[in-house]
C-alpha atoms as a PDB file:
ATOM      1  CA  UNK A   1       0.179   7.472   6.535  1.00  0.00           C
ATOM      2  CA  UNK A   2      -0.332   4.314   7.670  1.00  0.00           C
ATOM      3  CA  UNK A   3      -2.537   2.812  10.168  1.00  0.00           C
ATOM      4  CA  UNK A   4      -2.440  -0.181  12.971  1.00  0.00           C
ATOM      5  CA  UNK A   5      -5.009  -0.862  14.591  1.00  0.00           C
ATOM      6  CA  UNK A   6      -5.764  -3.464  17.611  1.00  0.00           C
ATOM      7  CA  UNK A   7     -10.070  -3.953  17.005  1.00  0.00           C
ATOM      8  CA  UNK A   8     -12.107  -6.676  18.494  1.00  0.00           C
ATOM      9  CA  UNK A   9     -13.487  -8.622  15.471  1.00  0.00           C
ATOM     10  CA  UNK A  10     -14.947 -12.047  14.756  1.00  0.00           C
ATOM     11  CA  UNK A  11     -13.255 -14.807  13.071  1.00  0.00           C
ATOM     12  CA  UNK A  12     -13.647 -18.645  13.021  1.00  0.00           C
ATOM     13  CA  UNK A  13     -11.134 -19.866  15.156  1.00  0.00           C
ATOM     14  CA  UNK A  14      -9.211 -16.889  14.292  1.00  0.00           C
ATOM     15  CA  UNK A  15      -8.583 -14.966  17.244  1.00  0.00           C
ATOM     16  CA  UNK A  16      -5.784 -12.553  16.686  1.00  0.00           C
ATOM     17  CA  UNK A  17      -5.260 -11.512  12.971  1.00  0.00           C
ATOM     18  CA  UNK A  18      -1.164  -9.803  12.629  1.00  0.00           C
ATOM     19  CA  UNK A  19      -0.789  -8.320   8.946  1.00  0.00           C
ATOM     20  CA  UNK A  20       2.284  -7.593   7.198  1.00  0.00           C
ATOM     21  CA  UNK A  21       3.725  -5.742   4.536  1.00  0.00           C
ATOM     22  CA  UNK A  22       4.043  -2.997   2.354  1.00  0.00           C
ATOM     23  CA  UNK A  23       1.603  -0.089   1.411  1.00  0.00           C
ATOM     24  CA  UNK A  24      -1.528  -2.175  -0.380  1.00  0.00           C
ATOM     25  CA  UNK A  25      -1.846  -3.798   3.947  1.00  0.00           C
ATOM     26  CA  UNK A  26      -1.061  -0.441   5.174  1.00  0.00           C
ATOM     27  CA  UNK A  27      -4.356   0.349   3.534  1.00  0.00           C
ATOM     28  CA  UNK A  28      -2.720   3.766   1.211  1.00  0.00           C
ATOM     29  CA  UNK A  29      -5.314   4.582  -1.164  1.00  0.00           C
ATOM     30  CA  UNK A  30      -8.417   4.014   1.152  1.00  0.00           C
ATOM     31  CA  UNK A  31      -8.913   6.128   3.655  1.00  0.00           C
ATOM     32  CA  UNK A  32     -11.770   6.806   6.141  1.00  0.00           C
ATOM     33  CA  UNK A  33     -13.349   9.867   7.179  1.00  0.00           C
ATOM     34  CA  UNK A  34     -11.389  10.419  10.581  1.00  0.00           C
ATOM     35  CA  UNK A  35      -8.364  10.567   7.713  1.00  0.00           C
ATOM     36  CA  UNK A  36      -6.809   7.413   8.459  1.00  0.00           C
ATOM     37  CA  UNK A  37      -6.066   4.825   5.982  1.00  0.00           C
ATOM     38  CA  UNK A  38      -8.459   1.810   6.669  1.00  0.00           C
ATOM     39  CA  UNK A  39      -7.556  -0.786   3.695  1.00  0.00           C
ATOM     40  CA  UNK A  40      -8.239  -4.190   2.915  1.00  0.00           C
ATOM     41  CA  UNK A  41      -6.910  -5.981   6.330  1.00  0.00           C
ATOM     42  CA  UNK A  42      -9.303  -4.127   8.458  1.00  0.00           C
ATOM     43  CA  UNK A  43     -11.932  -4.840   5.941  1.00  0.00           C
ATOM     44  CA  UNK A  44     -10.966  -8.378   5.927  1.00  0.00           C
ATOM     45  CA  UNK A  45     -11.683  -8.062   9.157  1.00  0.00           C
ATOM     46  CA  UNK A  46     -14.911  -7.015   9.444  1.00  0.00           C
ATOM     47  CA  UNK A  47     -16.145  -9.840   6.661  1.00  0.00           C
ATOM     48  CA  UNK A  48     -14.996 -12.155   9.590  1.00  0.00           C
ATOM     49  CA  UNK A  49     -16.973 -11.157  12.037  1.00  0.00           C
ATOM     50  CA  UNK A  50     -20.164 -10.488  10.081  1.00  0.00           C
ATOM     51  CA  UNK A  51     -19.583 -14.471   8.964  1.00  0.00           C
ATOM     52  CA  UNK A  52     -19.030 -15.926  12.136  1.00  0.00           C
ATOM     53  CA  UNK A  53     -18.342 -15.827  16.135  1.00  0.00           C
ATOM     54  CA  UNK A  54     -15.963 -15.128  18.734  1.00  0.00           C
ATOM     55  CA  UNK A  55     -13.164 -11.999  19.259  1.00  0.00           C
ATOM     56  CA  UNK A  56     -10.199 -11.661  17.657  1.00  0.00           C
ATOM     57  CA  UNK A  57      -7.763  -9.028  17.989  1.00  0.00           C
ATOM     58  CA  UNK A  58      -6.256  -7.435  14.779  1.00  0.00           C
ATOM     59  CA  UNK A  59      -2.789  -5.836  14.644  1.00  0.00           C
ATOM     60  CA  UNK A  60      -1.380  -4.079  11.097  1.00  0.00           C
ATOM     61  CA  UNK A  61       2.405  -3.759  11.085  1.00  0.00           C
ATOM     62  CA  UNK A  62       2.479  -2.870   7.584  1.00  0.00           C
ATOM     63  CA  UNK A  63       4.340   0.399   6.010  1.00  0.00           C
ATOM     64  CA  UNK A  64       4.324   2.249   3.103  1.00  0.00           C
ATOM     65  CA  UNK A  65       7.894   1.676   1.404  1.00  0.00           C
ATOM     66  CA  UNK A  66       8.558  -1.920   3.430  1.00  0.00           C
ATOM     67  CA  UNK A  67      10.324  -4.624   0.652  1.00  0.00           C
ATOM     68  CA  UNK A  68      10.730  -7.898   1.984  1.00  0.00           C
ATOM     69  CA  UNK A  69      13.946  -7.251   3.734  1.00  0.00           C
ATOM     70  CA  UNK A  70      12.213  -4.774   5.810  1.00  0.00           C
ATOM     71  CA  UNK A  71       9.489  -7.188   6.259  1.00  0.00           C
ATOM     72  CA  UNK A  72      11.732  -9.938   7.712  1.00  0.00           C
ATOM     73  CA  UNK A  73      14.038  -7.302   9.737  1.00  0.00           C
ATOM     74  CA  UNK A  74      11.360  -4.922  11.556  1.00  0.00           C
ATOM     75  CA  UNK A  75       7.566  -6.598  11.392  1.00  0.00           C
ATOM     76  CA  UNK A  76       8.659 -10.593  11.645  1.00  0.00           C
ATOM     77  CA  UNK A  77      10.441  -9.750  15.531  1.00  0.00           C
ATOM     78  CA  UNK A  78       6.932  -8.525  16.517  1.00  0.00           C
ATOM     79  CA  UNK A  79       5.019 -11.401  15.398  1.00  0.00           C
ATOM     80  CA  UNK A  80       6.266 -13.899  18.295  1.00  0.00           C
ATOM     81  CA  UNK A  81       4.772 -11.608  21.256  1.00  0.00           C
ATOM     82  CA  UNK A  82       1.680 -11.368  19.142  1.00  0.00           C
ATOM     83  CA  UNK A  83       0.672 -15.133  18.983  1.00  0.00           C
ATOM     84  CA  UNK A  84      -1.413 -15.118  15.967  1.00  0.00           C
ATOM     85  CA  UNK A  85      -3.580 -17.358  14.699  1.00  0.00           C
ATOM     86  CA  UNK A  86      -4.346 -15.646  11.282  1.00  0.00           C
ATOM     87  CA  UNK A  87      -1.172 -13.466   9.699  1.00  0.00           C
ATOM     88  CA  UNK A  88      -1.463 -11.545   6.394  1.00  0.00           C
ATOM     89  CA  UNK A  89       1.582 -11.049   4.280  1.00  0.00           C
ATOM     90  CA  UNK A  90       2.108  -8.604   0.789  1.00  0.00           C
ATOM     91  CA  UNK A  91       5.148  -7.741  -0.107  1.00  0.00           C
ATOM     92  CA  UNK A  92       7.384  -7.621  -3.868  1.00  0.00           C
ATOM     93  CA  UNK A  93       5.981  -4.427  -5.321  1.00  0.00           C
ATOM     94  CA  UNK A  94       8.638  -2.486  -3.746  1.00  0.00           C
ATOM     95  CA  UNK A  95      11.695  -4.785  -4.736  1.00  0.00           C
ATOM     96  CA  UNK A  96      10.798  -5.200  -7.966  1.00  0.00           C
ATOM     97  CA  UNK A  97      10.988  -1.304  -8.698  1.00  0.00           C
ATOM     98  CA  UNK A  98      14.179  -1.391  -7.299  1.00  0.00           C
ATOM     99  CA  UNK A  99      17.020  -0.484  -9.469  1.00  0.00           C
ATOM    100  CA  UNK A 100      18.566  -3.885  -9.237  1.00  0.00           C
ATOM    101  CA  UNK A 101      16.013  -6.786  -8.579  1.00  0.00           C
ATOM    102  CA  UNK A 102      17.955  -9.607  -7.240  1.00  0.00           C
ATOM    103  CA  UNK A 103      15.620 -12.567  -7.384  1.00  0.00           C
ATOM    104  CA  UNK A 104      18.016 -15.214  -5.636  1.00  0.00           C
ATOM    105  CA  UNK A 105      17.441 -12.625  -2.868  1.00  0.00           C
ATOM    106  CA  UNK A 106      14.134 -12.125  -2.871  1.00  0.00           C
ATOM    107  CA  UNK A 107      13.430 -15.846  -3.208  1.00  0.00           C
ATOM    108  CA  UNK A 108      15.781 -17.087  -0.078  1.00  0.00           C
ATOM    109  CA  UNK A 109      14.290 -13.711   2.529  1.00  0.00           C
ATOM    110  CA  UNK A 110      10.517 -14.642   1.673  1.00  0.00           C
ATOM    111  CA  UNK A 111      11.748 -18.342   2.169  1.00  0.00           C
ATOM    112  CA  UNK A 112      13.128 -17.454   5.478  1.00  0.00           C
ATOM    113  CA  UNK A 113       9.811 -15.285   6.167  1.00  0.00           C
ATOM    114  CA  UNK A 114       7.377 -17.716   5.058  1.00  0.00           C
ATOM    115  CA  UNK A 115       9.137 -20.207   7.410  1.00  0.00           C
ATOM    116  CA  UNK A 116       9.257 -18.239  10.761  1.00  0.00           C
ATOM    117  CA  UNK A 117       5.076 -17.921   9.465  1.00  0.00           C
ATOM    118  CA  UNK A 118       4.426 -21.008   9.244  1.00  0.00           C
ATOM    119  CA  UNK A 119       6.329 -22.123  12.221  1.00  0.00           C
ATOM    120  CA  UNK A 120       4.113 -20.418  14.384  1.00  0.00           C
ATOM    121  CA  UNK A 121       1.103 -22.244  13.196  1.00  0.00           C
ATOM    122  CA  UNK A 122      -0.967 -19.612  11.957  1.00  0.00           C
ATOM    123  CA  UNK A 123      -3.183 -19.836   8.851  1.00  0.00           C
ATOM    124  CA  UNK A 124      -0.718 -17.248   6.101  1.00  0.00           C
ATOM    125  CA  UNK A 125      -2.076 -15.443   3.754  1.00  0.00           C
ATOM    126  CA  UNK A 126      -0.193 -14.329   0.602  1.00  0.00           C
ATOM    127  CA  UNK A 127      -0.741 -12.689  -3.033  1.00  0.00           C
ATOM    128  CA  UNK A 128       1.207 -12.704  -6.196  1.00  0.00           C
ATOM    129  CA  UNK A 129       1.802  -8.698  -7.789  1.00  0.00           C
ATOM    130  CA  UNK A 130      -0.823  -7.568 -10.358  1.00  0.00           C
ATOM    131  CA  UNK A 131       0.498  -6.920 -13.513  1.00  0.00           C
ATOM    132  CA  UNK A 132       0.065  -3.204 -14.013  1.00  0.00           C
ATOM    133  CA  UNK A 133       2.797  -2.947 -16.220  1.00  0.00           C
ATOM    134  CA  UNK A 134       0.812  -1.699 -19.214  1.00  0.00           C
ATOM    135  CA  UNK A 135      -1.032   0.990 -17.099  1.00  0.00           C
ATOM    136  CA  UNK A 136       1.406   2.613 -15.261  1.00  0.00           C
ATOM    137  CA  UNK A 137       3.095   5.329 -16.637  1.00  0.00           C
ATOM    138  CA  UNK A 138       6.583   3.571 -17.869  1.00  0.00           C
ATOM    139  CA  UNK A 139       8.855   4.531 -20.722  1.00  0.00           C
ATOM    140  CA  UNK A 140       7.947   2.168 -23.488  1.00  0.00           C
ATOM    141  CA  UNK A 141      11.300   0.501 -22.682  1.00  0.00           C
ATOM    142  CA  UNK A 142      10.445  -0.282 -19.227  1.00  0.00           C
ATOM    143  CA  UNK A 143       7.314  -1.955 -19.497  1.00  0.00           C
ATOM    144  CA  UNK A 144       8.741  -5.277 -20.827  1.00  0.00           C
ATOM    145  CA  UNK A 145      10.947  -5.448 -18.244  1.00  0.00           C
ATOM    146  CA  UNK A 146       8.540  -4.397 -15.416  1.00  0.00           C
ATOM    147  CA  UNK A 147       6.380  -7.130 -16.468  1.00  0.00           C
ATOM    148  CA  UNK A 148       9.252  -9.687 -16.454  1.00  0.00           C
ATOM    149  CA  UNK A 149       9.812  -8.513 -13.032  1.00  0.00           C
ATOM    150  CA  UNK A 150       6.214  -9.042 -11.738  1.00  0.00           C
ATOM    151  CA  UNK A 151       5.326 -12.235 -13.377  1.00  0.00           C
ATOM    152  CA  UNK A 152       8.792 -13.388 -11.896  1.00  0.00           C
ATOM    153  CA  UNK A 153       8.597 -12.268  -8.639  1.00  0.00           C
ATOM    154  CA  UNK A 154       4.995 -13.851  -8.422  1.00  0.00           C
ATOM    155  CA  UNK A 155       6.171 -17.049  -9.346  1.00  0.00           C
ATOM    156  CA  UNK A 156       8.601 -16.976  -6.148  1.00  0.00           C
ATOM    157  CA  UNK A 157       5.558 -15.801  -4.147  1.00  0.00           C
ATOM    158  CA  UNK A 158       3.287 -18.875  -5.462  1.00  0.00           C
ATOM    159  CA  UNK A 159       6.393 -21.036  -5.137  1.00  0.00           C
ATOM    160  CA  UNK A 160       6.970 -20.162  -1.502  1.00  0.00           C
ATOM    161  CA  UNK A 161       3.798 -20.009  -0.682  1.00  0.00           C
ATOM    162  CA  UNK A 162       3.043 -23.192  -1.605  1.00  0.00           C
ATOM    163  CA  UNK A 163       6.035 -24.891   0.082  1.00  0.00           C
ATOM    164  CA  UNK A 164       5.305 -23.127   3.130  1.00  0.00           C
ATOM    165  CA  UNK A 165       1.324 -24.323   2.904  1.00  0.00           C
ATOM    166  CA  UNK A 166       0.061 -20.830   2.995  1.00  0.00           C
ATOM    167  CA  UNK A 167      -3.318 -19.362   0.941  1.00  0.00           C
ATOM    168  CA  UNK A 168      -2.185 -17.710  -1.816  1.00  0.00           C
ATOM    169  CA  UNK A 169      -4.406 -15.382  -3.991  1.00  0.00           C
ATOM    170  CA  UNK A 170      -3.193 -15.187  -7.740  1.00  0.00           C
ATOM    171  CA  UNK A 171      -3.395 -11.494  -9.278  1.00  0.00           C
ATOM    172  CA  UNK A 172      -2.700 -12.958 -12.746  1.00  0.00           C
ATOM    173  CA  UNK A 173      -5.737 -15.291 -12.499  1.00  0.00           C
ATOM    174  CA  UNK A 174      -7.771 -12.078 -12.367  1.00  0.00           C
ATOM    175  CA  UNK A 175      -5.844  -9.892 -14.783  1.00  0.00           C
ATOM    176  CA  UNK A 176      -9.132  -7.617 -15.731  1.00  0.00           C
ATOM    177  CA  UNK A 177      -9.181  -6.859 -11.935  1.00  0.00           C
ATOM    178  CA  UNK A 178      -5.318  -5.441 -12.540  1.00  0.00           C
ATOM    179  CA  UNK A 179      -6.439  -3.024 -14.707  1.00  0.00           C
ATOM    180  CA  UNK A 180      -9.824  -1.830 -14.494  1.00  0.00           C
ATOM    181  CA  UNK A 181      -9.647   1.850 -13.202  1.00  0.00           C
ATOM    182  CA  UNK A 182     -12.696   1.463 -11.556  1.00  0.00           C
ATOM    183  CA  UNK A 183     -10.479   0.235  -8.204  1.00  0.00           C
ATOM    184  CA  UNK A 184      -7.337   2.090  -8.528  1.00  0.00           C
ATOM    185  CA  UNK A 185      -6.354   5.261  -7.120  1.00  0.00           C
ATOM    186  CA  UNK A 186      -4.660   7.847 -10.068  1.00  0.00           C
ATOM    187  CA  UNK A 187      -1.504   6.136  -9.106  1.00  0.00           C
ATOM    188  CA  UNK A 188      -2.399   2.975 -10.422  1.00  0.00           C
ATOM    189  CA  UNK A 189      -0.723   0.943  -8.183  1.00  0.00           C
ATOM    190  CA  UNK A 190      -2.334   1.275  -4.951  1.00  0.00           C
ATOM    191  CA  UNK A 191      -6.343   0.075  -4.801  1.00  0.00           C
ATOM    192  CA  UNK A 192      -9.158   2.972  -3.865  1.00  0.00           C
ATOM    193  CA  UNK A 193     -11.739   1.854  -1.345  1.00  0.00           C
ATOM    194  CA  UNK A 194     -13.114   0.361  -3.931  1.00  0.00           C
ATOM    195  CA  UNK A 195     -10.370  -1.690  -4.451  1.00  0.00           C
ATOM    196  CA  UNK A 196      -9.668  -2.691  -1.091  1.00  0.00           C
ATOM    197  CA  UNK A 197     -12.911  -3.842  -0.384  1.00  0.00           C
ATOM    198  CA  UNK A 198     -12.993  -5.887  -3.541  1.00  0.00           C
ATOM    199  CA  UNK A 199      -9.805  -7.473  -2.062  1.00  0.00           C
ATOM    200  CA  UNK A 200     -10.704  -7.960   1.434  1.00  0.00           C
ATOM    201  CA  UNK A 201     -14.058 -10.291  -0.595  1.00  0.00           C
ATOM    202  CA  UNK A 202     -11.520 -12.053  -2.492  1.00  0.00           C
ATOM    203  CA  UNK A 203      -9.336 -13.094   0.762  1.00  0.00           C
ATOM    204  CA  UNK A 204     -12.415 -14.157   2.164  1.00  0.00           C
ATOM    205  CA  UNK A 205     -13.342 -16.666  -0.152  1.00  0.00           C
ATOM    206  CA  UNK A 206      -9.895 -17.781   0.201  1.00  0.00           C
ATOM    207  CA  UNK A 207     -10.297 -18.138   3.406  1.00  0.00           C
ATOM    208  CA  UNK A 208     -13.791 -19.925   3.366  1.00  0.00           C
ATOM    209  CA  UNK A 209     -12.507 -22.394   1.269  1.00  0.00           C
ATOM    210  CA  UNK A 210     -14.282 -21.250  -1.609  1.00  0.00           C
ATOM    211  CA  UNK A 211     -12.193 -23.151  -4.297  1.00  0.00           C
ATOM    212  CA  UNK A 212     -11.243 -21.464  -7.753  1.00  0.00           C
ATOM    213  CA  UNK A 213     -14.309 -18.748  -6.313  1.00  0.00           C
ATOM    214  CA  UNK A 214     -11.339 -17.846  -3.302  1.00  0.00           C
ATOM    215  CA  UNK A 215      -8.640 -16.777  -6.597  1.00  0.00           C
ATOM    216  CA  UNK A 216     -10.921 -14.445  -8.385  1.00  0.00           C
ATOM    217  CA  UNK A 217     -12.699 -11.027  -6.952  1.00  0.00           C
ATOM    218  CA  UNK A 218     -15.606 -10.614  -5.861  1.00  0.00           C
ATOM    219  CA  UNK A 219     -18.737  -9.007  -7.281  1.00  0.00           C
ATOM    220  CA  UNK A 220     -17.632  -5.322  -6.737  1.00  0.00           C
ATOM    221  CA  UNK A 221     -19.626  -3.460  -4.100  1.00  0.00           C
ATOM    222  CA  UNK A 222     -21.464  -0.267  -4.710  1.00  0.00           C
ATOM    223  CA  UNK A 223     -19.505   2.727  -5.228  1.00  0.00           C
ATOM    224  CA  UNK A 224     -19.425   5.324  -2.133  1.00  0.00           C
END
């Protein structure tokens, strides 16, 4: 189940926030009392509302299972009509899980996607893939392959983000967060509510320009 919303929030000059990507942004692992997914994007919107003034509309286009091709083909076409000034993009985990991961194709598609997002003039947020190779259940012979792919995809995300001047939250700079079971659901791939809140706080720090602090998770909120 995914959750899309268009809710009034507040932001410092950000009036329209569009979230693109996969299950991470769709909010998997963070379920509200009404049974719908909440997720870090909505929690980030709430943080922006608390810290600034003005109205902003959040539209979450992220879908479970999306890879970079799906975001490019199915989500990107909707961006122009929404006229965002803040865009987030989380993608790559479903690409590295494919039997044949093609780094060149991933680079080309991600570059095309980020170029289109940059052309909107909006602030663009991205993040690298956390190194979960040591904590997910994998046959021993696949652990090294998984780590190599996660590192390779993250290098691509990092370099393409720099090329198109996107703000990139670097999961490799906070390795403890990637292995802390208190932040994840039982599958160890998706954050739980606490993890989504921490991720939203980290993105907020990055947006507000708090330097290196913006690349690390904020102090964990109290558990529900």
